[in-house]
Amino acid sequence: MSYSAPARPVSPTVRPIGAAEHLAFVRSRASVSFLQTPAWGRVKTEWRSESLGWFDGRRLVGAGLVLHRPVPRFDRFTLAYLAEGPVIDWTGEIDAWLDPLAAYLKAHGAFAIRLGPPVRTNTWSAGQVKEGISDPGIKRLTELPSLRDDPIGARVTGHLRDAGWLPRNPEDGFGAGHPQFKYEIPLAGRTEDELLRGMNQQWRRNIKKAAKEGVEVTTGEFTAGDVTAGDVTAGDVTVGEDLKAFHDLYVHTAERDRFTPRPLRYFETMFAALRAEDPERIRLYLAHHQGDLVAATVLVRVGTHAVYVYGASATEKREVRGSNACQWAMIRDSLAAGCDVYDLRGITPTLDADDPHVGLIQFKAGIGGRAVRYVGEWDLPLRPAIYRAFDLFMRRRGR
């Protein structure tokens, strides 16, 4: 996700802001990660959250959602995490933004800051990905010449390293945080026909197959009690039949694909919190074939950025291509909503045909679009001894 903001304030200050002020700032931007909305803090109930603002005098010029994670055996200290944020001017003097953030967080008990600048460094086309996979001499995406090198991303990376920040980007692209490599479909200025032509033949065939087989994609119904953007609690949420059906299919998918599923309560809270902030923020898609639920997906949209966040599929009836039908419905709706980007989230950078992870990037590259590398996540130790103890604890846990 790229971001532009007002010019750097002369003497920035950082202080807490309310959810309403934070949300108003988010709405003033063309595009912000949903992980940087105040609602996301209410989703992550295991963390303490706060909204911070950067001020030029009395004018709010930047914002960030901070999730505070306590340290085992050091409960009064926290890891301050700004996922895909903060929302500041990354093209300007970075110290002017990050120094007051570090000072505020250290004074309020943080032993380290972890952040992920929403800034791209490299881009590769779908064609390059396909060629890389077919070339036995190419093992990783980064071995290919990028279609575009972003000088801002390179400058941010260099500056963070020089300022003592530590990279937290695992070799395979996935870790405890959010992915450094993503797959995105540009939507701005394109038509549905152009998007279809950008897909490979198999994807177009699968979309046609789903339609021919009579797969129907609908958006789910979700009910909640009296929920406001500033107050979401477990008691506010009522389980809808569609959300329960999605979760049942998601658990089935987790068992088949061997990952640990999130509980239903997590999705109840996520839908309640995000819908309270904006009724159009989150949407559930359900693909049925002759009355059977064959695929389901979750889409989140903030401004002009649409994100595919969860997916599930039945083992039976895979031949009717319900997952492709859901993806195409989400892409079409994102285009109709005026989005600039459809974001399929994380990929691993492997292009090795023998690597079991290569199927993920193959699947996503079939839709067209581009693979993107971001600056990634970085840590700044504020209390080095505690940071080392925390890092050792997490390594022993294998996270």
Protein backbone atom coordinates (compact mmCIF):
# COMPACT_ATOMS: atom_id res chain seq x y z
CA MET A 1 0.00 0.00 0.00
CA SER A 2 1.40 3.39 -0.91
CA TYR A 3 0.64 6.48 1.11
CA SER A 4 1.06 10.21 0.79
CA ALA A 5 0.42 12.67 3.60
CA PRO A 6 0.80 16.35 4.38
CA ALA A 7 4.27 17.83 4.53
CA ARG A 8 6.36 17.10 7.62
CA PRO A 9 5.37 19.23 10.61
CA VAL A 10 8.08 21.54 11.90
CA SER A 11 7.86 20.36 15.54
CA PRO A 12 5.72 17.22 15.67
CA THR A 13 4.28 16.03 18.94
CA VAL A 14 2.68 12.68 19.72
CA ARG A 15 -0.21 12.18 22.08
CA PRO A 16 -3.23 9.90 22.49
CA ILE A 17 -6.35 10.61 20.46
CA GLY A 18 -9.87 9.30 20.72
CA ALA A 19 -11.37 6.71 18.39
CA ALA A 20 -13.61 9.30 16.70
CA GLU A 21 -10.68 11.61 15.91
CA HIS A 22 -8.62 8.67 14.71
CA LEU A 23 -11.44 7.44 12.46
CA ALA A 24 -11.96 10.92 11.02
CA PHE A 25 -8.27 11.01 10.07
CA VAL A 26 -8.51 7.57 8.44
CA ARG A 27 -11.50 8.74 6.43
CA SER A 28 -9.53 11.76 5.21
CA ARG A 29 -6.93 9.49 3.60
CA ALA A 30 -7.37 7.79 0.24
CA SER A 31 -6.15 4.49 1.59
CA VAL A 32 -5.13 3.10 5.00
CA SER A 33 -4.52 -0.48 6.13
CA PHE A 34 -7.46 -1.91 8.07
CA LEU A 35 -4.86 -2.86 10.69
CA GLN A 36 -4.47 0.86 11.37
CA THR A 37 -8.13 1.60 12.01
CA PRO A 38 -9.36 2.13 15.57
CA ALA A 39 -11.79 -0.76 15.10
CA TRP A 40 -8.93 -3.21 14.72
CA GLY A 41 -7.84 -2.51 18.27
CA ARG A 42 -11.24 -3.78 19.44
CA VAL A 43 -10.77 -6.96 17.40
CA LYS A 44 -7.43 -7.82 19.03
CA THR A 45 -8.84 -8.32 22.49
CA GLU A 46 -5.72 -10.06 23.80
CA TRP A 47 -3.73 -6.82 23.35
CA ARG A 48 -4.23 -3.40 24.88
CA SER A 49 -4.74 -0.81 22.16
CA GLU A 50 -4.44 2.94 21.91
CA SER A 51 -4.70 5.50 19.13
CA LEU A 52 -1.88 8.01 18.82
CA GLY A 53 -1.81 11.22 16.81
CA TRP A 54 1.00 13.36 15.42
CA PHE A 55 0.26 17.06 15.74
CA ASP A 56 1.60 20.13 13.99
CA GLY A 57 0.38 22.62 16.56
CA ARG A 58 -3.28 21.72 16.91
CA ARG A 59 -3.55 20.06 13.48
CA LEU A 60 -3.61 16.26 13.31
CA VAL A 61 -1.15 15.22 10.58
CA GLY A 62 -0.55 11.53 11.33
CA ALA A 63 -2.10 8.67 13.26
CA GLY A 64 -1.31 5.16 14.40
CA LEU A 65 -3.01 2.27 16.13
CA VAL A 66 -0.68 0.78 18.75
CA LEU A 67 -1.25 -2.72 20.12
CA HIS A 68 0.55 -3.32 23.40
CA ARG A 69 1.72 -6.86 24.15
CA PRO A 70 2.90 -7.55 27.73
CA VAL A 71 6.21 -9.28 28.33
CA PRO A 72 6.09 -12.61 30.21
CA ARG A 73 7.38 -12.04 33.75
CA PHE A 74 7.66 -8.29 33.03
CA ASP A 75 3.99 -7.36 32.92
CA ARG A 76 4.48 -3.64 33.31
CA PHE A 77 6.45 -3.45 30.05
CA THR A 78 4.99 -3.96 26.57
CA LEU A 79 5.94 -4.48 22.97
CA ALA A 80 4.28 -1.58 21.10
CA TYR A 81 3.14 -2.89 17.72
CA LEU A 82 1.96 -0.74 14.79
CA ALA A 83 1.00 -3.25 12.09
CA GLU A 84 1.26 -1.78 8.56
CA GLY A 85 1.69 1.63 10.08
CA PRO A 86 1.80 4.27 11.31
CA VAL A 87 -0.03 6.52 8.86
CA ILE A 88 2.55 9.27 8.43
CA ASP A 89 4.49 10.87 5.59
CA TRP A 90 7.10 8.23 4.84
CA THR A 91 8.50 10.41 2.06
CA GLY A 92 9.66 13.05 4.54
CA GLU A 93 12.21 13.18 7.35
CA ILE A 94 11.49 9.93 9.13
CA ASP A 95 13.19 10.94 12.40
CA ALA A 96 10.75 13.82 12.76
CA TRP A 97 7.93 11.26 12.94
CA LEU A 98 9.52 8.30 14.71
CA ASP A 99 11.60 10.04 17.39
CA PRO A 100 8.60 11.54 19.23
CA LEU A 101 6.82 8.18 18.88
CA ALA A 102 9.73 6.39 20.54
CA ALA A 103 9.91 8.99 23.31
CA TYR A 104 6.19 8.73 24.07
CA LEU A 105 6.09 4.92 24.04
CA LYS A 106 9.20 4.51 26.19
CA ALA A 107 7.80 6.95 28.74
CA HIS A 108 4.63 4.86 28.85
CA GLY A 109 6.25 1.47 29.45
CA ALA A 110 7.20 0.09 26.04
CA PHE A 111 10.40 -1.96 25.93
CA ALA A 112 10.40 -1.97 22.09
CA ILE A 113 8.49 -0.72 19.07
CA ARG A 114 7.58 -2.93 16.14
CA LEU A 115 6.20 -1.31 13.02
CA GLY A 116 5.66 -2.10 9.34
CA PRO A 117 5.89 0.92 7.05
CA PRO A 118 3.21 0.73 4.32
CA VAL A 119 5.87 1.44 1.70
CA ARG A 120 6.76 -0.71 -1.32
CA THR A 121 10.35 -1.48 -2.31
CA ASN A 122 10.00 -3.74 -5.39
CA THR A 123 7.35 -4.92 -7.83
CA TRP A 124 7.24 -7.91 -10.21
CA SER A 125 4.63 -8.64 -12.88
CA ALA A 126 2.57 -11.83 -13.10
CA GLY A 127 4.48 -12.67 -16.28
CA GLN A 128 7.79 -12.45 -14.45
CA VAL A 129 6.49 -14.71 -11.70
CA LYS A 130 5.40 -17.30 -14.27
CA GLU A 131 8.76 -17.17 -16.07
CA GLY A 132 10.63 -17.44 -12.78
CA ILE A 133 8.74 -20.58 -11.76
CA SER A 134 9.45 -22.22 -15.13
CA ASP A 135 13.18 -21.38 -14.92
CA PRO A 136 14.99 -24.05 -12.82
CA GLY A 137 17.80 -21.57 -12.18
CA ILE A 138 15.50 -19.14 -10.36
CA LYS A 139 14.59 -20.04 -6.79
CA ARG A 140 13.31 -16.78 -5.32
CA LEU A 141 11.37 -13.76 -6.43
CA THR A 142 14.23 -11.48 -5.41
CA GLU A 143 16.51 -13.17 -7.96
CA LEU A 144 14.43 -11.61 -10.75
CA PRO A 145 14.97 -8.01 -11.86
CA SER A 146 12.05 -6.07 -10.43
CA LEU A 147 9.63 -4.30 -12.70
CA ARG A 148 9.94 -1.24 -10.47
CA ASP A 149 12.31 -0.31 -7.64
CA ASP A 150 10.78 2.28 -5.36
CA PRO A 151 13.39 4.80 -4.20
CA ILE A 152 11.23 5.78 -1.22
CA GLY A 153 11.17 2.19 -0.03
CA ALA A 154 14.93 1.90 -0.42
CA ARG A 155 15.44 5.14 1.52
CA VAL A 156 13.10 4.09 4.35
CA THR A 157 14.84 0.71 4.63
CA GLY A 158 18.28 2.30 4.75
CA HIS A 159 17.21 4.91 7.26
CA LEU A 160 15.65 2.41 9.65
CA ARG A 161 18.78 0.26 9.56
CA ASP A 162 21.06 3.25 10.13
CA ALA A 163 18.89 4.45 13.03
CA GLY A 164 19.25 1.16 14.90
CA TRP A 165 16.00 -0.54 13.91
CA LEU A 166 16.26 -4.34 13.51
CA PRO A 167 14.57 -6.17 10.59
CA ARG A 168 12.07 -8.86 11.56
CA ASN A 169 11.47 -10.33 8.11
CA PRO A 170 11.78 -14.14 7.92
CA GLU A 171 13.41 -15.80 4.93
CA ASP A 172 10.21 -17.42 3.70
CA GLY A 173 8.19 -14.19 3.93
CA PHE A 174 5.97 -15.32 6.81
CA GLY A 175 6.46 -14.92 10.52
CA ALA A 176 4.66 -13.93 13.69
CA GLY A 177 3.73 -10.56 12.18
CA HIS A 178 2.34 -9.50 8.83
CA PRO A 179 3.84 -10.52 5.47
CA GLN A 180 6.53 -8.53 3.67
CA PHE A 181 5.60 -9.97 0.26
CA LYS A 182 2.05 -9.56 -1.04
CA TYR A 183 0.09 -10.02 -4.22
CA GLU A 184 -2.00 -7.15 -5.57
CA ILE A 185 -4.31 -6.49 -8.51
CA PRO A 186 -4.33 -2.86 -9.71
CA LEU A 187 -7.93 -1.77 -10.40
CA ALA A 188 -7.70 1.97 -11.12
CA GLY A 189 -8.75 2.86 -14.66
CA ARG A 190 -9.54 -0.74 -15.63
CA THR A 191 -12.73 -2.46 -16.73
CA GLU A 192 -14.03 -5.93 -15.91
CA ASP A 193 -13.09 -7.11 -19.41
CA GLU A 194 -9.55 -5.80 -18.97
CA LEU A 195 -9.22 -7.56 -15.64
CA LEU A 196 -10.40 -10.83 -17.19
CA ARG A 197 -7.93 -10.48 -20.03
CA GLY A 198 -5.17 -9.99 -17.46
CA MET A 199 -5.90 -13.42 -15.95
CA ASN A 200 -4.37 -16.60 -17.28
CA GLN A 201 -6.44 -19.02 -19.31
CA GLN A 202 -7.03 -21.38 -16.39
CA TRP A 203 -8.49 -18.63 -14.20
CA ARG A 204 -10.84 -17.45 -16.97
CA ARG A 205 -11.87 -21.06 -17.59
CA ASN A 206 -12.57 -21.61 -13.89
CA ILE A 207 -14.74 -18.50 -13.63
CA LYS A 208 -16.75 -19.63 -16.66
CA LYS A 209 -16.95 -23.15 -15.25
CA ALA A 210 -18.45 -21.87 -11.98
CA ALA A 211 -21.07 -19.87 -13.87
CA LYS A 212 -21.90 -22.82 -16.13
CA GLU A 213 -22.27 -25.15 -13.14
CA GLY A 214 -24.72 -22.72 -11.54
CA VAL A 215 -22.58 -21.56 -8.65
CA GLU A 216 -24.28 -18.60 -6.96
CA VAL A 217 -22.29 -16.07 -4.93
CA THR A 218 -24.16 -13.98 -2.38
CA THR A 219 -23.09 -11.65 0.39
CA GLY A 220 -23.79 -12.89 3.89
CA GLU A 221 -26.20 -11.53 6.44
CA PHE A 222 -24.76 -10.51 9.80
CA THR A 223 -26.64 -9.28 12.83
CA ALA A 224 -25.37 -7.48 15.89
CA GLY A 225 -26.87 -5.75 18.85
CA ASP A 226 -26.60 -2.06 19.60
CA VAL A 227 -22.97 -1.57 18.66
CA THR A 228 -21.21 1.75 18.22
CA ALA A 229 -17.77 2.41 16.80
CA GLY A 230 -16.45 3.15 20.26
CA ASP A 231 -17.97 0.24 22.15
CA VAL A 232 -17.81 -3.37 21.02
CA THR A 233 -18.04 -6.10 23.61
CA ALA A 234 -18.64 -9.83 23.42
CA GLY A 235 -22.24 -9.37 24.48
CA ASP A 236 -22.95 -7.09 21.52
CA VAL A 237 -22.63 -9.87 18.99
CA THR A 238 -25.34 -12.20 17.74
CA VAL A 239 -24.28 -15.21 15.68
CA GLY A 240 -25.76 -15.05 12.19
CA GLU A 241 -26.40 -18.25 10.26
CA ASP A 242 -24.14 -17.13 7.41
CA LEU A 243 -21.21 -16.35 9.69
CA LYS A 244 -21.61 -19.71 11.43
CA ALA A 245 -21.72 -21.47 8.06
CA PHE A 246 -18.54 -19.70 6.99
CA HIS A 247 -16.80 -20.67 10.21
CA ASP A 248 -17.80 -24.33 9.88
CA LEU A 249 -16.31 -24.39 6.38
CA TYR A 250 -13.23 -22.52 7.57
CA VAL A 251 -12.62 -25.10 10.33
CA HIS A 252 -13.00 -27.86 7.72
CA THR A 253 -10.43 -26.06 5.54
CA ALA A 254 -8.06 -25.75 8.50
CA GLU A 255 -8.26 -29.47 9.22
CA ARG A 256 -7.61 -30.32 5.57
CA ASP A 257 -4.79 -27.82 5.07
CA ARG A 258 -3.29 -28.29 8.54
CA PHE A 259 -3.44 -24.85 10.09
CA THR A 260 -4.92 -23.71 13.39
CA PRO A 261 -8.30 -22.00 12.90
CA ARG A 262 -9.49 -18.97 14.83
CA PRO A 263 -12.58 -19.45 17.00
CA LEU A 264 -16.01 -18.28 15.91
CA ARG A 265 -15.95 -15.58 18.61
CA TYR A 266 -13.00 -13.92 16.86
CA PHE A 267 -15.02 -13.50 13.66
CA GLU A 268 -18.08 -12.35 15.57
CA THR A 269 -16.00 -9.62 17.19
CA MET A 270 -14.29 -8.69 13.92
CA PHE A 271 -17.56 -8.28 12.03
CA ALA A 272 -19.18 -6.34 14.88
CA ALA A 273 -16.24 -3.96 15.36
CA LEU A 274 -15.56 -3.26 11.70
CA ARG A 275 -19.23 -2.91 10.74
CA ALA A 276 -19.79 -0.54 13.65
CA GLU A 277 -17.02 1.66 12.32
CA ASP A 278 -18.35 1.54 8.75
CA PRO A 279 -21.21 -0.66 7.48
CA GLU A 280 -19.27 -1.24 4.24
CA ARG A 281 -15.96 -2.05 5.94
CA ILE A 282 -16.30 -5.85 5.91
CA ARG A 283 -18.29 -8.26 3.77
CA LEU A 284 -18.82 -12.03 3.74
CA TYR A 285 -19.14 -13.86 0.40
CA LEU A 286 -20.77 -17.28 0.12
CA ALA A 287 -20.67 -19.54 -2.94
CA HIS A 288 -23.42 -22.17 -3.12
CA HIS A 289 -23.92 -25.00 -5.59
CA GLN A 290 -27.31 -26.70 -5.55
CA GLY A 291 -27.78 -25.66 -1.95
CA ASP A 292 -24.33 -26.71 -0.75
CA LEU A 293 -21.84 -24.16 0.54
CA VAL A 294 -18.70 -24.80 -1.53
CA ALA A 295 -16.60 -21.70 -0.77
CA ALA A 296 -16.65 -18.57 1.38
CA THR A 297 -14.43 -15.50 1.67
CA VAL A 298 -14.11 -12.32 3.72
CA LEU A 299 -13.33 -8.92 2.16
CA VAL A 300 -12.30 -5.78 4.07
CA ARG A 301 -12.24 -2.35 2.44
CA VAL A 302 -10.84 0.95 3.72
CA GLY A 303 -11.09 3.80 1.24
CA THR A 304 -9.70 2.68 -2.11
CA HIS A 305 -7.93 -0.43 -0.78
CA ALA A 306 -9.80 -3.77 -0.78
CA VAL A 307 -8.28 -6.77 0.98
CA TYR A 308 -9.05 -10.49 0.78
CA VAL A 309 -8.49 -11.57 4.38
CA TYR A 310 -9.97 -15.05 4.84
CA GLY A 311 -11.06 -17.90 2.61
CA ALA A 312 -12.55 -21.36 3.02
CA SER A 313 -13.53 -24.12 0.61
CA ALA A 314 -15.21 -27.51 0.69
CA THR A 315 -13.26 -30.63 -0.23
CA GLU A 316 -16.28 -31.96 -2.12
CA LYS A 317 -17.39 -30.26 -5.34
CA ARG A 318 -14.07 -28.52 -5.90
CA GLU A 319 -14.66 -29.04 -9.62
CA VAL A 320 -17.43 -26.40 -9.62
CA ARG A 321 -14.79 -23.73 -8.79
CA GLY A 322 -16.55 -21.93 -5.98
CA SER A 323 -13.33 -20.27 -4.77
CA ASN A 324 -12.73 -18.71 -8.18
CA ALA A 325 -16.32 -17.49 -8.24
CA CYS A 326 -15.89 -15.83 -4.83
CA GLN A 327 -12.67 -14.13 -5.89
CA TRP A 328 -14.23 -12.79 -9.07
CA ALA A 329 -17.25 -11.46 -7.13
CA MET A 330 -14.95 -9.64 -4.68
CA ILE A 331 -12.85 -8.18 -7.49
CA ARG A 332 -15.94 -6.94 -9.34
CA ASP A 333 -17.43 -5.39 -6.21
CA SER A 334 -14.11 -3.72 -5.35
CA LEU A 335 -13.93 -2.27 -8.85
CA ALA A 336 -17.52 -1.02 -8.62
CA ALA A 337 -16.75 0.60 -5.24
CA GLY A 338 -13.97 2.67 -6.83
CA CYS A 339 -11.05 0.81 -5.29
CA ASP A 340 -7.57 1.28 -6.72
CA VAL A 341 -6.15 -2.02 -5.45
CA TYR A 342 -7.42 -5.52 -4.74
CA ASP A 343 -5.02 -7.02 -2.21
CA LEU A 344 -4.66 -10.80 -1.91
CA ARG A 345 -2.30 -10.43 1.06
CA GLY A 346 0.71 -12.59 1.74
CA ILE A 347 2.83 -14.76 -0.51
CA THR A 348 6.16 -16.45 0.06
CA PRO A 349 8.97 -15.28 -2.24
CA THR A 350 9.82 -18.79 -3.40
CA LEU A 351 9.71 -19.60 -7.12
CA ASP A 352 11.19 -23.07 -6.64
CA ALA A 353 8.88 -25.55 -8.39
CA ASP A 354 9.79 -28.17 -5.77
CA ASP A 355 8.86 -25.95 -2.82
CA PRO A 356 5.37 -26.75 -1.47
CA HIS A 357 4.79 -23.02 -0.90
CA VAL A 358 5.10 -22.18 -4.60
CA GLY A 359 1.46 -23.07 -5.21
CA LEU A 360 0.35 -19.99 -3.27
CA ILE A 361 2.07 -17.50 -5.57
CA GLN A 362 1.08 -19.56 -8.63
CA PHE A 363 -2.58 -19.37 -7.64
CA LYS A 364 -2.50 -15.65 -7.04
CA ALA A 365 -0.38 -14.80 -10.10
CA GLY A 366 -2.99 -16.50 -12.25
CA ILE A 367 -5.33 -13.56 -11.57
CA GLY A 368 -2.82 -11.16 -13.17
CA GLY A 369 -1.52 -8.20 -11.24
CA ARG A 370 1.80 -7.99 -9.46
CA ALA A 371 3.90 -9.37 -6.64
CA VAL A 372 5.05 -6.64 -4.26
CA ARG A 373 7.75 -6.45 -1.65
CA TYR A 374 7.28 -3.99 1.21
CA VAL A 375 9.80 -2.54 3.65
CA GLY A 376 8.69 -5.21 6.13
CA GLU A 377 8.54 -5.14 9.90
CA TRP A 378 11.25 -3.59 12.08
CA ASP A 379 11.94 -3.44 15.82
CA LEU A 380 13.47 -0.61 17.83
CA PRO A 381 14.64 -1.81 21.27
CA LEU A 382 13.90 0.87 23.87
CA ARG A 383 15.00 -1.24 26.85
CA PRO A 384 17.61 -3.58 25.35
CA ALA A 385 17.86 -6.06 28.25
CA ILE A 386 14.12 -6.67 28.31
CA TYR A 387 14.03 -6.82 24.52
CA ARG A 388 16.69 -9.54 24.49
CA ALA A 389 14.78 -11.54 27.10
CA PHE A 390 11.58 -11.21 25.08
CA ASP A 391 13.33 -12.18 21.84
CA LEU A 392 14.81 -15.26 23.50
CA PHE A 393 11.41 -16.21 24.93
CA MET A 394 9.78 -15.95 21.48
CA ARG A 395 12.56 -17.95 19.81
CA ARG A 396 12.12 -20.75 22.32
CA ARG A 397 8.42 -20.78 21.53
CA GLY A 398 9.26 -21.07 17.84
CA ARG A 399 7.57 -17.78 16.96
